[in-house]
Amino acid sequence: MNAASVSPSAVPSCFDEPWQSDLFALTVALNEAGHLIWPDWTAAFGATLAARGRDRPLDGGADYFAAWLETLERVVAERGLADVPDLEGVRAAWERAYRETPHGRPVRL
């Protein structure tokens, strides 16, 4: 069997939602482009997880990726890769699209 013959649904995933894999891929792409290095990333992400874990126990799923997104948004803003108002605008557009999308349908901007 080769990789081309494996059904995507047969491959296990550590992602519960498509946006989580997109978030991971974006982070890897930023690393490969030289915009962040892994030691800096892990320190920032660890700090976010620690801060979130002070208020309540983390579930390791949705909490993990929400913390990942929070960290990536902060790192991107701190490094001047995106403006904070732009990030907030995109977040607001996604939230609006999510609320307005019928259940079971893909969310699109």
Protein backbone atom coordinates (compact mmCIF):
# COMPACT_ATOMS: atom_id res chain seq x y z
CA MET A 1 0.00 0.00 0.00
CA ASN A 2 1.29 3.49 -0.76
CA ALA A 3 0.28 6.88 0.64
CA ALA A 4 -1.84 7.67 -2.42
CA SER A 5 -4.06 4.65 -1.78
CA VAL A 6 -4.87 5.56 1.85
CA SER A 7 -8.25 7.17 2.37
CA PRO A 8 -7.97 10.46 4.30
CA SER A 9 -10.73 9.24 6.62
CA ALA A 10 -8.52 6.24 7.54
CA VAL A 11 -5.70 8.48 8.79
CA PRO A 12 -6.02 9.38 12.47
CA SER A 13 -5.97 13.07 13.27
CA CYS A 14 -5.06 15.04 16.36
CA PHE A 15 -7.37 17.82 15.16
CA ASP A 16 -11.05 17.91 16.08
CA GLU A 17 -11.89 20.75 13.71
CA PRO A 18 -10.47 21.82 10.33
CA TRP A 19 -9.53 25.26 11.68
CA GLN A 20 -7.20 23.59 14.17
CA SER A 21 -5.14 21.97 11.43
CA ASP A 22 -5.13 25.28 9.53
CA LEU A 23 -3.84 27.02 12.66
CA PHE A 24 -1.10 24.44 13.06
CA ALA A 25 -0.13 24.72 9.38
CA LEU A 26 -0.01 28.52 9.59
CA THR A 27 2.30 28.32 12.60
CA VAL A 28 4.61 25.89 10.78
CA ALA A 29 4.61 28.15 7.70
CA LEU A 30 5.56 31.17 9.85
CA ASN A 31 8.41 29.14 11.31
CA GLU A 32 9.60 27.99 7.88
CA ALA A 33 9.50 31.60 6.64
CA GLY A 34 11.71 32.66 9.55
CA HIS A 35 9.08 34.70 11.40
CA LEU A 36 9.24 32.61 14.56
CA ILE A 37 11.55 30.03 16.03
CA TRP A 38 10.36 27.03 18.01
CA PRO A 39 12.01 27.87 21.36
CA ASP A 40 10.34 31.30 21.32
CA TRP A 41 7.05 29.73 20.25
CA THR A 42 7.06 27.07 22.95
CA ALA A 43 7.89 29.65 25.64
CA ALA A 44 5.04 31.92 24.53
CA PHE A 45 2.58 29.04 24.16
CA GLY A 46 3.58 27.59 27.53
CA ALA A 47 3.00 30.97 29.18
CA THR A 48 -0.48 31.16 27.62
CA LEU A 49 -1.34 27.65 28.80
CA ALA A 50 -0.08 28.41 32.30
CA ALA A 51 -2.10 31.63 32.50
CA ARG A 52 -5.27 29.92 31.28
CA GLY A 53 -4.70 26.99 33.64
CA ARG A 54 -4.68 29.27 36.69
CA ASP A 55 -8.40 29.99 36.29
CA ARG A 56 -9.61 26.43 35.66
CA PRO A 57 -8.39 23.01 34.58
CA LEU A 58 -7.69 22.78 30.85
CA ASP A 59 -9.38 20.06 28.79
CA GLY A 60 -6.50 19.49 26.37
CA GLY A 61 -8.76 19.79 23.30
CA ALA A 62 -10.62 22.99 22.59
CA ASP A 63 -8.70 24.79 25.35
CA TYR A 64 -5.41 23.78 23.77
CA PHE A 65 -6.23 25.22 20.36
CA ALA A 66 -7.87 28.34 21.81
CA ALA A 67 -4.61 28.95 23.69
CA TRP A 68 -2.65 28.24 20.49
CA LEU A 69 -4.71 30.81 18.58
CA GLU A 70 -4.36 33.38 21.37
CA THR A 71 -0.59 32.87 21.37
CA LEU A 72 -0.26 33.06 17.60
CA GLU A 73 -2.33 36.26 17.43
CA ARG A 74 -0.13 37.83 20.13
CA VAL A 75 3.14 36.73 18.47
CA VAL A 76 2.01 37.94 15.04
CA ALA A 77 1.03 41.32 16.50
CA GLU A 78 4.22 41.68 18.57
CA ARG A 79 6.38 40.97 15.53
CA GLY A 80 4.46 43.39 13.34
CA LEU A 81 3.32 40.67 10.94
CA ALA A 82 -0.27 41.90 11.18
CA ASP A 83 -1.98 44.90 12.68
CA VAL A 84 -4.09 44.33 15.79
CA PRO A 85 -7.14 46.05 14.23
CA ASP A 86 -6.82 43.75 11.20
CA LEU A 87 -6.67 40.69 13.46
CA GLU A 88 -9.69 41.90 15.43
CA GLY A 89 -11.60 42.54 12.18
CA VAL A 90 -10.92 39.04 10.89
CA ARG A 91 -11.90 37.54 14.25
CA ALA A 92 -15.17 39.51 14.26
CA ALA A 93 -15.93 38.43 10.68
CA TRP A 94 -15.34 34.75 11.56
CA GLU A 95 -17.50 35.01 14.69
CA ARG A 96 -20.29 36.62 12.67
CA ALA A 97 -20.03 33.97 9.95
CA TYR A 98 -20.01 31.19 12.56
CA ARG A 99 -23.15 32.50 14.26
CA GLU A 100 -24.97 32.98 10.95
CA THR A 101 -24.05 29.62 9.39
CA PRO A 102 -26.71 26.92 9.72
CA HIS A 103 -25.69 23.93 11.82
CA GLY A 104 -23.80 21.29 9.86
CA ARG A 105 -22.76 23.64 7.08
CA PRO A 106 -19.17 24.80 6.54
CA VAL A 107 -18.41 28.27 7.86
CA ARG A 108 -17.23 30.61 5.13
CA LEU A 109 -16.26 34.24 5.12
